[in-house]
Amino acid sequence: MSIIGKAGALCTLALAWAMPAGAKDLSPQDYAVARAEIVNLSNRLMIASDARDADTYAASFAKDGVLNWIGGIEHGREEIRQAIAEWRAKLAAPPTDATSQPRTRHFVLNHDITIAPDGRTGKGLVYWFALTNRTPQKDVQVLYFGHVVEYYVKEDGKWLFSKREVFNESLQNRALFYPDLGEKDPRTTP
C-alpha cells in the first residue's frame, strides 16, 4: 500500500473512532461529508446574517423549519425571512458619503454533530459568539455569546435546519444550566 493509501486508511480509522455514537451506522466517509456540509450550513447562516441577507438566511431552513431565538419563535421560511429582515433593518444605514461602516460578525464553533443512522436527520450543539467594532472607542469587543441546539434534515440532497434554538447567554433567555450541553443543576451538584 502506498503512503497516501496508508494515510487515507489511518484517517478513515481515526474518523470512525472519533464519530459520535449515533453516527456509527454511517460509513466514516458519509459522516465526514454530512458533518462538513452541516458546518458549512451553520457558517453560511452566520455570514448571511451579518450581510443582512434574509433570503439566504431563510433558505437555510426546511420549508417548515422553526427558528426559536431572542426575537421569538418563527415558523416556516417566510416568517423566518421576515423576522430576520426586520431585525437587520434596525441597524442604521451609513451616511451616503461613508467610506466604511462599523460591523458585527457572528462566529460558530465547537460543532458537536450527531447524524441519525439513516443519514437523513441530525442534531448539533454549537457555540457561537459575536464581535463588534460598533463601539464609541472604535475598538473590537465581544458583543454576545451563547449556544445553539440545531436539528437538521436532508431534503433533495441538501442539509437544512429543521429547527434552530438559539440561546444568547448575554441576554434574558439564559438559564442557570443547560442539560443539552451536559450541564447539571449547580444548586444540587456538589
Protein backbone atom coordinates (compact mmCIF):
# COMPACT_ATOMS: atom_id res chain seq x y z
CA MET A 1 0.00 0.00 0.00
CA SER A 2 1.33 3.46 -0.90
CA ILE A 3 1.99 6.14 1.69
CA ILE A 4 -1.11 8.03 0.50
CA GLY A 5 -3.20 4.86 0.80
CA LYS A 6 -1.89 4.23 4.32
CA ALA A 7 -2.56 7.83 5.32
CA GLY A 8 -6.12 7.61 3.94
CA ALA A 9 -6.74 4.37 5.79
CA LEU A 10 -5.44 5.89 9.04
CA CYS A 11 -7.62 8.99 8.58
CA THR A 12 -10.67 6.79 7.97
CA LEU A 13 -9.88 4.75 11.08
CA ALA A 14 -9.35 7.89 13.17
CA LEU A 15 -12.62 9.40 11.93
CA ALA A 16 -14.52 6.18 12.69
CA TRP A 17 -13.11 6.16 16.21
CA ALA A 18 -14.00 9.85 16.78
CA MET A 19 -17.56 9.69 15.40
CA PRO A 20 -20.42 10.22 17.87
CA ALA A 21 -22.27 7.04 18.84
CA GLY A 22 -25.37 7.91 16.79
CA ALA A 23 -23.29 8.12 13.62
CA LYS A 24 -21.61 4.70 13.94
CA ASP A 25 -24.05 3.11 11.46
CA LEU A 26 -22.89 5.51 8.74
CA SER A 27 -19.66 4.96 6.91
CA PRO A 28 -16.89 7.29 8.10
CA GLN A 29 -16.91 8.93 4.67
CA ASP A 30 -20.69 9.57 4.75
CA TYR A 31 -20.43 11.01 8.27
CA ALA A 32 -17.49 13.25 7.26
CA VAL A 33 -19.36 14.60 4.23
CA ALA A 34 -22.57 15.20 6.22
CA ARG A 35 -20.64 16.91 9.01
CA ALA A 36 -18.75 19.17 6.58
CA GLU A 37 -21.98 20.13 4.81
CA ILE A 38 -23.69 20.92 8.13
CA VAL A 39 -20.77 23.01 9.40
CA ASN A 40 -20.89 24.93 6.10
CA LEU A 41 -24.64 25.40 6.58
CA SER A 42 -24.04 26.95 10.02
CA ASN A 43 -21.28 29.18 8.66
CA ARG A 44 -23.40 30.27 5.68
CA LEU A 45 -26.23 31.23 8.05
CA MET A 46 -23.93 33.48 10.11
CA ILE A 47 -22.46 35.13 7.00
CA ALA A 48 -25.99 35.77 5.66
CA SER A 49 -26.99 37.28 8.99
CA ASP A 50 -24.05 39.69 9.01
CA ALA A 51 -24.63 40.57 5.34
CA ARG A 52 -28.29 41.41 6.12
CA ASP A 53 -29.27 38.72 3.61
CA ALA A 54 -32.61 37.49 4.97
CA ASP A 55 -33.29 35.44 1.81
CA THR A 56 -30.16 33.28 2.16
CA TYR A 57 -30.74 33.04 5.92
CA ALA A 58 -34.30 31.74 5.42
CA ALA A 59 -33.23 29.43 2.58
CA SER A 60 -31.02 27.62 5.11
CA PHE A 61 -34.17 26.24 6.74
CA ALA A 62 -36.52 23.47 5.62
CA LYS A 63 -39.83 24.77 4.25
CA ASP A 64 -41.49 24.11 7.62
CA GLY A 65 -38.38 24.98 9.65
CA VAL A 66 -38.56 26.64 13.06
CA LEU A 67 -36.32 29.39 14.44
CA ASN A 68 -36.50 29.94 18.21
CA TRP A 69 -34.35 32.96 19.02
CA ILE A 70 -34.26 36.15 21.06
CA GLY A 71 -36.84 37.66 18.68
CA GLY A 72 -39.41 34.91 19.29
CA ILE A 73 -40.41 31.73 17.51
CA GLU A 74 -40.73 31.83 13.72
CA HIS A 75 -42.42 29.04 11.74
CA GLY A 76 -41.57 28.41 8.09
CA ARG A 77 -39.18 30.13 5.70
CA GLU A 78 -41.33 33.21 5.08
CA GLU A 79 -41.75 34.03 8.79
CA ILE A 80 -38.04 33.46 9.32
CA ARG A 81 -37.12 35.66 6.34
CA GLN A 82 -39.42 38.45 7.51
CA ALA A 83 -38.16 38.34 11.12
CA ILE A 84 -34.50 38.43 10.07
CA ALA A 85 -35.16 41.23 7.55
CA GLU A 86 -36.88 43.33 10.24
CA TRP A 87 -34.18 42.62 12.81
CA ARG A 88 -31.33 43.53 10.45
CA ALA A 89 -33.19 46.64 9.16
CA LYS A 90 -32.99 48.10 12.67
CA LEU A 91 -29.29 48.72 12.08
CA ALA A 92 -28.77 52.27 10.93
CA ALA A 93 -27.58 52.63 7.35
CA PRO A 94 -24.30 54.52 6.97
CA PRO A 95 -24.45 58.07 5.60
CA THR A 96 -24.43 58.29 1.78
CA ASP A 97 -20.87 59.71 1.80
CA ALA A 98 -19.48 56.97 4.10
CA THR A 99 -16.39 55.05 3.02
CA SER A 100 -16.65 52.42 5.78
CA GLN A 101 -19.10 51.26 8.40
CA PRO A 102 -19.00 49.63 11.82
CA ARG A 103 -19.76 45.91 11.73
CA THR A 104 -20.76 42.96 13.85
CA ARG A 105 -19.53 39.49 12.94
CA HIS A 106 -21.06 36.25 14.21
CA PHE A 107 -18.98 33.09 14.58
CA VAL A 108 -19.95 29.46 15.21
CA LEU A 109 -17.61 26.84 16.61
CA ASN A 110 -17.33 23.62 18.61
CA HIS A 111 -19.88 21.78 16.48
CA ASP A 112 -20.92 18.53 18.18
CA ILE A 113 -22.94 16.85 15.43
CA THR A 114 -24.77 13.54 15.55
CA ILE A 115 -26.27 12.10 12.37
CA ALA A 116 -29.12 9.57 12.56
CA PRO A 117 -28.25 6.10 11.23
CA ASP A 118 -30.43 6.68 8.14
CA GLY A 119 -28.27 9.70 7.20
CA ARG A 120 -31.35 11.94 6.75
CA THR A 121 -31.58 13.82 10.07
CA GLY A 122 -29.24 15.01 12.76
CA LYS A 123 -28.74 17.18 15.81
CA GLY A 124 -25.98 19.57 16.71
CA LEU A 125 -24.80 21.54 19.70
CA VAL A 126 -22.89 24.63 18.65
CA TYR A 127 -21.24 27.51 20.49
CA TRP A 128 -21.43 31.00 18.98
CA PHE A 129 -20.19 34.50 19.69
CA ALA A 130 -20.35 37.91 18.07
CA LEU A 131 -17.67 40.59 17.83
CA THR A 132 -18.34 44.21 17.03
CA ASN A 133 -16.38 47.34 16.23
CA ARG A 134 -19.53 49.43 16.72
CA THR A 135 -18.12 50.97 19.92
CA PRO A 136 -17.53 54.58 21.00
CA GLN A 137 -13.78 53.98 21.23
CA LYS A 138 -13.71 52.20 17.81
CA ASP A 139 -12.12 49.00 19.15
CA VAL A 140 -13.29 45.39 18.80
CA GLN A 141 -15.27 43.84 21.64
CA VAL A 142 -17.23 40.70 22.33
CA LEU A 143 -20.88 41.66 21.90
CA TYR A 144 -22.72 38.42 22.74
CA PHE A 145 -22.13 34.72 23.19
CA GLY A 146 -24.21 31.62 23.61
CA HIS A 147 -25.03 28.27 22.13
CA VAL A 148 -27.46 26.77 19.65
CA VAL A 149 -29.29 23.46 19.58
CA GLU A 150 -29.70 22.66 15.90
CA TYR A 151 -31.80 20.00 14.22
CA TYR A 152 -31.03 19.06 10.62
CA VAL A 153 -32.89 17.39 7.80
CA LYS A 154 -31.62 16.38 4.39
CA GLU A 155 -34.04 17.46 1.66
CA ASP A 156 -33.37 16.96 -2.05
CA GLY A 157 -29.77 16.03 -1.27
CA LYS A 158 -29.15 19.21 0.75
CA TRP A 159 -28.79 19.64 4.53
CA LEU A 160 -31.11 22.28 6.03
CA PHE A 161 -32.18 23.35 9.50
CA SER A 162 -35.45 21.80 10.61
CA LYS A 163 -35.21 23.69 13.91
CA ARG A 164 -32.73 26.06 15.46
CA GLU A 165 -32.91 27.05 19.15
CA VAL A 166 -30.60 29.99 19.85
CA PHE A 167 -29.58 30.75 23.42
CA ASN A 168 -27.99 34.15 23.92
CA GLU A 169 -26.24 33.75 27.24
CA SER A 170 -25.64 37.51 27.41
CA LEU A 171 -29.36 38.37 27.40
CA GLN A 172 -32.56 37.39 29.16
CA ASN A 173 -33.04 33.92 27.66
CA ARG A 174 -30.07 32.47 29.51
CA ALA A 175 -30.59 29.68 32.01
CA LEU A 176 -28.96 28.52 35.22
CA PHE A 177 -27.83 25.37 33.43
CA TYR A 178 -28.26 23.67 30.04
CA PRO A 179 -28.92 19.92 30.11
CA ASP A 180 -28.34 19.69 26.32
CA LEU A 181 -24.76 20.78 26.98
CA GLY A 182 -24.33 18.14 29.70
CA GLU A 183 -24.61 20.69 32.50
CA LYS A 184 -26.21 19.72 35.78
CA ASP A 185 -28.12 21.92 38.20
CA PRO A 186 -25.32 23.58 40.21
CA ARG A 187 -27.67 24.04 43.19
CA THR A 188 -27.89 20.27 43.71
CA THR A 189 -24.49 19.12 42.44
CA PRO A 190 -21.60 19.12 44.94
